[in-house]
Amino acid sequence: MPREPLHLPQLSLHSPVGDLTISEDDGAIVAIDWGWVPEQAETTLLVEARQQLHDYFDGVRTEFNLPLAPFGTPYQKRVWQALYAIPSGTTRSYADIARSVGGSPRSVGGANGRNPIPIVIPCHRVIATTGIGGYSGGEGLPTKLFLLALEGADATSCDLFAAQRA
């Protein structure tokens, strides 16, 4: 089990979707959170993760090559592994992920919303069959749409207001 975030080495960076803080535990990335922490640690892994995120936002990287150790239930970890396998520039529905890992679209949505390593584990690539779905990071849906556009994914056909009408 990872240590509490206050005791983990952390490194922050500025990004187009706001300030991000990367947390490391036992040689693996365990979290990326929105916000800036006052105490910075420049470990080899955190510096590499920061550089890979900068490369991603600069459009020169589409995949990440980092050791990841998200803390979650076995089901959440299966969902996150399925998210990690979604290629950049493409999307999958909550139902698609549910078919591949078991469970329901709603349970996939719950695991998706608890993803501790957003962007690297691309929860933004999961959309609803009736629209764009939700997003809990950054500024919410505008952040999700920015990330999808950055990757060249076509989100223009998504009905942004379908979830609000349902």
C-alpha atoms as a PDB file:
ATOM      1  CA  MET A   1       0.000   0.000   0.000  1.00  0.00           C
ATOM      2  CA  PRO A   2       1.452   3.403  -0.887  1.00  0.00           C
ATOM      3  CA  ARG A   3       2.274   5.895   1.808  1.00  0.00           C
ATOM      4  CA  GLU A   4       0.060   8.920   2.370  1.00  0.00           C
ATOM      5  CA  PRO A   5       0.554  11.551  -0.373  1.00  0.00           C
ATOM      6  CA  LEU A   6       2.005  14.104   2.060  1.00  0.00           C
ATOM      7  CA  HIS A   7       4.980  11.806   2.600  1.00  0.00           C
ATOM      8  CA  LEU A   8       5.555  10.820  -1.012  1.00  0.00           C
ATOM      9  CA  PRO A   9       8.142  12.443  -3.255  1.00  0.00           C
ATOM     10  CA  GLN A  10       6.223  14.831  -5.520  1.00  0.00           C
ATOM     11  CA  LEU A  11       7.064  17.074  -8.446  1.00  0.00           C
ATOM     12  CA  SER A  12       4.777  19.676 -10.013  1.00  0.00           C
ATOM     13  CA  LEU A  13       4.623  21.066 -13.533  1.00  0.00           C
ATOM     14  CA  HIS A  14       2.681  23.662 -15.468  1.00  0.00           C
ATOM     15  CA  SER A  15       0.550  22.243 -18.289  1.00  0.00           C
ATOM     16  CA  PRO A  16      -2.117  23.485 -20.701  1.00  0.00           C
ATOM     17  CA  VAL A  17      -4.750  21.823 -18.471  1.00  0.00           C
ATOM     18  CA  GLY A  18      -3.479  23.439 -15.273  1.00  0.00           C
ATOM     19  CA  ASP A  19      -0.793  22.694 -12.741  1.00  0.00           C
ATOM     20  CA  LEU A  20      -0.176  18.983 -12.206  1.00  0.00           C
ATOM     21  CA  THR A  21       1.633  17.169  -9.407  1.00  0.00           C
ATOM     22  CA  ILE A  22       3.166  13.728  -9.931  1.00  0.00           C
ATOM     23  CA  SER A  23       3.640  11.425  -6.915  1.00  0.00           C
ATOM     24  CA  GLU A  24       6.050   8.521  -6.665  1.00  0.00           C
ATOM     25  CA  ASP A  25       6.182   5.600  -4.265  1.00  0.00           C
ATOM     26  CA  ASP A  26       8.696   2.774  -4.231  1.00  0.00           C
ATOM     27  CA  GLY A  27       9.977   3.459  -7.761  1.00  0.00           C
ATOM     28  CA  ALA A  28       6.594   3.849  -9.473  1.00  0.00           C
ATOM     29  CA  ILE A  29       4.183   6.652 -10.295  1.00  0.00           C
ATOM     30  CA  VAL A  30       1.145   6.374  -8.016  1.00  0.00           C
ATOM     31  CA  ALA A  31      -0.738   9.592  -8.687  1.00  0.00           C
ATOM     32  CA  ILE A  32      -1.113  12.674 -10.835  1.00  0.00           C
ATOM     33  CA  ASP A  33      -3.214  15.375  -9.215  1.00  0.00           C
ATOM     34  CA  TRP A  34      -4.318  18.821 -10.304  1.00  0.00           C
ATOM     35  CA  GLY A  35      -2.567  21.524  -8.291  1.00  0.00           C
ATOM     36  CA  TRP A  36       0.886  22.527  -7.133  1.00  0.00           C
ATOM     37  CA  VAL A  37       2.682  21.338  -4.017  1.00  0.00           C
ATOM     38  CA  PRO A  38       5.141  23.590  -2.185  1.00  0.00           C
ATOM     39  CA  GLU A  39       7.658  20.833  -1.448  1.00  0.00           C
ATOM     40  CA  GLN A  40       9.247  19.481  -4.645  1.00  0.00           C
ATOM     41  CA  ALA A  41      11.434  16.378  -5.024  1.00  0.00           C
ATOM     42  CA  GLU A  42      13.394  15.898  -8.241  1.00  0.00           C
ATOM     43  CA  THR A  43      13.902  12.135  -8.219  1.00  0.00           C
ATOM     44  CA  THR A  44      15.056  10.483 -11.435  1.00  0.00           C
ATOM     45  CA  LEU A  45      11.599   8.995 -12.002  1.00  0.00           C
ATOM     46  CA  LEU A  46       9.665  12.189 -11.279  1.00  0.00           C
ATOM     47  CA  VAL A  47      11.911  14.217 -13.606  1.00  0.00           C
ATOM     48  CA  GLU A  48      11.386  11.612 -16.343  1.00  0.00           C
ATOM     49  CA  ALA A  49       7.614  11.622 -15.781  1.00  0.00           C
ATOM     50  CA  ARG A  50       7.551  15.424 -15.938  1.00  0.00           C
ATOM     51  CA  GLN A  51       9.516  15.352 -19.214  1.00  0.00           C
ATOM     52  CA  GLN A  52       7.192  12.737 -20.719  1.00  0.00           C
ATOM     53  CA  LEU A  53       4.174  14.867 -19.768  1.00  0.00           C
ATOM     54  CA  HIS A  54       5.796  17.955 -21.333  1.00  0.00           C
ATOM     55  CA  ASP A  55       6.484  15.900 -24.491  1.00  0.00           C
ATOM     56  CA  TYR A  56       2.857  14.749 -24.539  1.00  0.00           C
ATOM     57  CA  PHE A  57       1.515  18.293 -24.259  1.00  0.00           C
ATOM     58  CA  ASP A  58       4.008  19.451 -26.927  1.00  0.00           C
ATOM     59  CA  GLY A  59       2.573  16.815 -29.280  1.00  0.00           C
ATOM     60  CA  VAL A  60       5.788  14.790 -29.616  1.00  0.00           C
ATOM     61  CA  ARG A  61       4.709  11.835 -27.431  1.00  0.00           C
ATOM     62  CA  THR A  62       1.593   9.696 -27.751  1.00  0.00           C
ATOM     63  CA  GLU A  63       2.506   6.951 -25.282  1.00  0.00           C
ATOM     64  CA  PHE A  64       4.065   6.965 -21.839  1.00  0.00           C
ATOM     65  CA  ASN A  65       6.817   4.655 -20.683  1.00  0.00           C
ATOM     66  CA  LEU A  66       6.702   4.871 -16.900  1.00  0.00           C
ATOM     67  CA  PRO A  67       6.387   2.331 -14.093  1.00  0.00           C
ATOM     68  CA  LEU A  68       2.877   2.725 -12.684  1.00  0.00           C
ATOM     69  CA  ALA A  69       1.442   1.421  -9.415  1.00  0.00           C
ATOM     70  CA  PRO A  70      -2.035   2.892  -8.931  1.00  0.00           C
ATOM     71  CA  PHE A  71      -3.643   1.940  -5.653  1.00  0.00           C
ATOM     72  CA  GLY A  72      -7.130   0.486  -6.089  1.00  0.00           C
ATOM     73  CA  THR A  73      -9.283  -2.601  -5.990  1.00  0.00           C
ATOM     74  CA  PRO A  74      -8.571  -5.518  -8.330  1.00  0.00           C
ATOM     75  CA  TYR A  75     -11.569  -4.447 -10.464  1.00  0.00           C
ATOM     76  CA  GLN A  76     -10.378  -0.840 -10.669  1.00  0.00           C
ATOM     77  CA  LYS A  77      -6.929  -2.042 -11.705  1.00  0.00           C
ATOM     78  CA  ARG A  78      -8.454  -4.162 -14.513  1.00  0.00           C
ATOM     79  CA  VAL A  79     -10.364  -1.114 -15.750  1.00  0.00           C
ATOM     80  CA  TRP A  80      -7.256   1.078 -15.569  1.00  0.00           C
ATOM     81  CA  GLN A  81      -5.242  -1.530 -17.486  1.00  0.00           C
ATOM     82  CA  ALA A  82      -7.915  -1.502 -20.198  1.00  0.00           C
ATOM     83  CA  LEU A  83      -7.785   2.314 -20.295  1.00  0.00           C
ATOM     84  CA  TYR A  84      -4.010   2.240 -20.607  1.00  0.00           C
ATOM     85  CA  ALA A  85      -4.374   0.029 -23.696  1.00  0.00           C
ATOM     86  CA  ILE A  86      -6.594   2.533 -25.572  1.00  0.00           C
ATOM     87  CA  PRO A  87      -4.418   4.001 -28.339  1.00  0.00           C
ATOM     88  CA  SER A  88      -3.876   7.741 -28.467  1.00  0.00           C
ATOM     89  CA  GLY A  89      -6.319   9.481 -30.788  1.00  0.00           C
ATOM     90  CA  THR A  90      -9.059   6.915 -30.263  1.00  0.00           C
ATOM     91  CA  THR A  91     -11.914   6.473 -27.824  1.00  0.00           C
ATOM     92  CA  ARG A  92     -13.817   3.580 -26.303  1.00  0.00           C
ATOM     93  CA  SER A  93     -17.211   3.579 -24.657  1.00  0.00           C
ATOM     94  CA  TYR A  94     -17.874   2.656 -21.054  1.00  0.00           C
ATOM     95  CA  ALA A  95     -19.762  -0.342 -22.482  1.00  0.00           C
ATOM     96  CA  ASP A  96     -16.707  -1.397 -24.546  1.00  0.00           C
ATOM     97  CA  ILE A  97     -14.544  -1.389 -21.427  1.00  0.00           C
ATOM     98  CA  ALA A  98     -17.226  -3.251 -19.431  1.00  0.00           C
ATOM     99  CA  ARG A  99     -17.318  -5.978 -22.084  1.00  0.00           C
ATOM    100  CA  SER A 100     -13.541  -6.397 -21.915  1.00  0.00           C
ATOM    101  CA  VAL A 101     -13.102  -6.403 -18.109  1.00  0.00           C
ATOM    102  CA  GLY A 102     -16.520  -7.413 -16.818  1.00  0.00           C
ATOM    103  CA  GLY A 103     -18.950  -5.335 -14.849  1.00  0.00           C
ATOM    104  CA  SER A 104     -21.292  -2.690 -16.164  1.00  0.00           C
ATOM    105  CA  PRO A 105     -20.783   0.644 -17.904  1.00  0.00           C
ATOM    106  CA  ARG A 106     -21.696   2.301 -14.590  1.00  0.00           C
ATOM    107  CA  SER A 107     -19.044   0.356 -12.653  1.00  0.00           C
ATOM    108  CA  VAL A 108     -16.495   1.229 -15.351  1.00  0.00           C
ATOM    109  CA  GLY A 109     -17.499   4.885 -14.958  1.00  0.00           C
ATOM    110  CA  GLY A 110     -16.933   4.625 -11.216  1.00  0.00           C
ATOM    111  CA  ALA A 111     -13.472   3.116 -11.665  1.00  0.00           C
ATOM    112  CA  ASN A 112     -12.719   5.643 -14.398  1.00  0.00           C
ATOM    113  CA  GLY A 113     -13.601   8.512 -12.059  1.00  0.00           C
ATOM    114  CA  ARG A 114     -11.257   7.132  -9.395  1.00  0.00           C
ATOM    115  CA  ASN A 115      -8.271   6.817 -11.739  1.00  0.00           C
ATOM    116  CA  PRO A 116      -5.346   8.171  -9.687  1.00  0.00           C
ATOM    117  CA  ILE A 117      -3.039   8.676 -12.698  1.00  0.00           C
ATOM    118  CA  PRO A 118      -5.062  10.668 -15.255  1.00  0.00           C
ATOM    119  CA  ILE A 119      -3.560  11.517 -18.639  1.00  0.00           C
ATOM    120  CA  VAL A 120      -0.990   8.692 -18.375  1.00  0.00           C
ATOM    121  CA  ILE A 121      -3.827   6.240 -17.726  1.00  0.00           C
ATOM    122  CA  PRO A 122      -6.090   7.908 -20.289  1.00  0.00           C
ATOM    123  CA  CYS A 123      -9.520   7.979 -18.674  1.00  0.00           C
ATOM    124  CA  HIS A 124     -10.314  10.933 -20.979  1.00  0.00           C
ATOM    125  CA  ARG A 125     -10.485   8.446 -23.890  1.00  0.00           C
ATOM    126  CA  VAL A 126     -13.639   6.820 -22.493  1.00  0.00           C
ATOM    127  CA  ILE A 127     -16.932   8.252 -23.712  1.00  0.00           C
ATOM    128  CA  ALA A 128     -20.570   7.365 -23.207  1.00  0.00           C
ATOM    129  CA  THR A 129     -22.576   5.776 -26.012  1.00  0.00           C
ATOM    130  CA  THR A 130     -24.934   8.762 -25.770  1.00  0.00           C
ATOM    131  CA  GLY A 131     -22.348  11.537 -25.566  1.00  0.00           C
ATOM    132  CA  ILE A 132     -18.992  12.626 -24.259  1.00  0.00           C
ATOM    133  CA  GLY A 133     -19.525  11.263 -20.739  1.00  0.00           C
ATOM    134  CA  GLY A 134     -17.987  12.928 -17.720  1.00  0.00           C
ATOM    135  CA  TYR A 135     -14.553  13.967 -16.580  1.00  0.00           C
ATOM    136  CA  SER A 136     -13.491  14.778 -13.044  1.00  0.00           C
ATOM    137  CA  GLY A 137     -10.047  16.243 -13.742  1.00  0.00           C
ATOM    138  CA  GLY A 138      -9.059  19.842 -14.266  1.00  0.00           C
ATOM    139  CA  GLU A 139     -11.976  21.910 -15.507  1.00  0.00           C
ATOM    140  CA  GLY A 140     -14.092  18.824 -16.254  1.00  0.00           C
ATOM    141  CA  LEU A 141     -15.431  18.430 -19.796  1.00  0.00           C
ATOM    142  CA  PRO A 142     -13.361  21.259 -21.315  1.00  0.00           C
ATOM    143  CA  THR A 143     -10.237  19.446 -20.070  1.00  0.00           C
ATOM    144  CA  LYS A 144     -11.450  16.148 -21.529  1.00  0.00           C
ATOM    145  CA  LEU A 145     -12.196  17.809 -24.870  1.00  0.00           C
ATOM    146  CA  PHE A 146      -8.781  19.516 -24.872  1.00  0.00           C
ATOM    147  CA  LEU A 147      -6.982  16.202 -24.263  1.00  0.00           C
ATOM    148  CA  LEU A 148      -8.983  14.427 -26.972  1.00  0.00           C
ATOM    149  CA  ALA A 149      -8.303  17.263 -29.444  1.00  0.00           C
ATOM    150  CA  LEU A 150      -4.591  17.237 -28.544  1.00  0.00           C
ATOM    151  CA  GLU A 151      -4.527  13.553 -29.503  1.00  0.00           C
ATOM    152  CA  GLY A 152      -6.517  14.108 -32.686  1.00  0.00           C
ATOM    153  CA  ALA A 153      -9.530  12.112 -31.487  1.00  0.00           C
ATOM    154  CA  ASP A 154     -12.842  13.057 -33.062  1.00  0.00           C
ATOM    155  CA  ALA A 155     -15.133  14.134 -30.248  1.00  0.00           C
ATOM    156  CA  THR A 156     -17.157  16.477 -32.440  1.00  0.00           C
ATOM    157  CA  SER A 157     -19.906  13.901 -32.912  1.00  0.00           C
ATOM    158  CA  CYS A 158     -20.475  13.589 -29.158  1.00  0.00           C
ATOM    159  CA  ASP A 159     -23.596  15.205 -27.776  1.00  0.00           C
ATOM    160  CA  LEU A 160     -22.131  17.240 -24.934  1.00  0.00           C
ATOM    161  CA  PHE A 161     -25.467  17.700 -23.232  1.00  0.00           C
ATOM    162  CA  ALA A 162     -26.845  14.146 -23.489  1.00  0.00           C
ATOM    163  CA  ALA A 163     -25.843  13.290 -19.907  1.00  0.00           C
ATOM    164  CA  GLN A 164     -27.591  16.397 -18.575  1.00  0.00           C
ATOM    165  CA  ARG A 165     -30.852  15.474 -20.352  1.00  0.00           C
ATOM    166  CA  ALA A 166     -30.802  11.830 -19.229  1.00  0.00           C
END
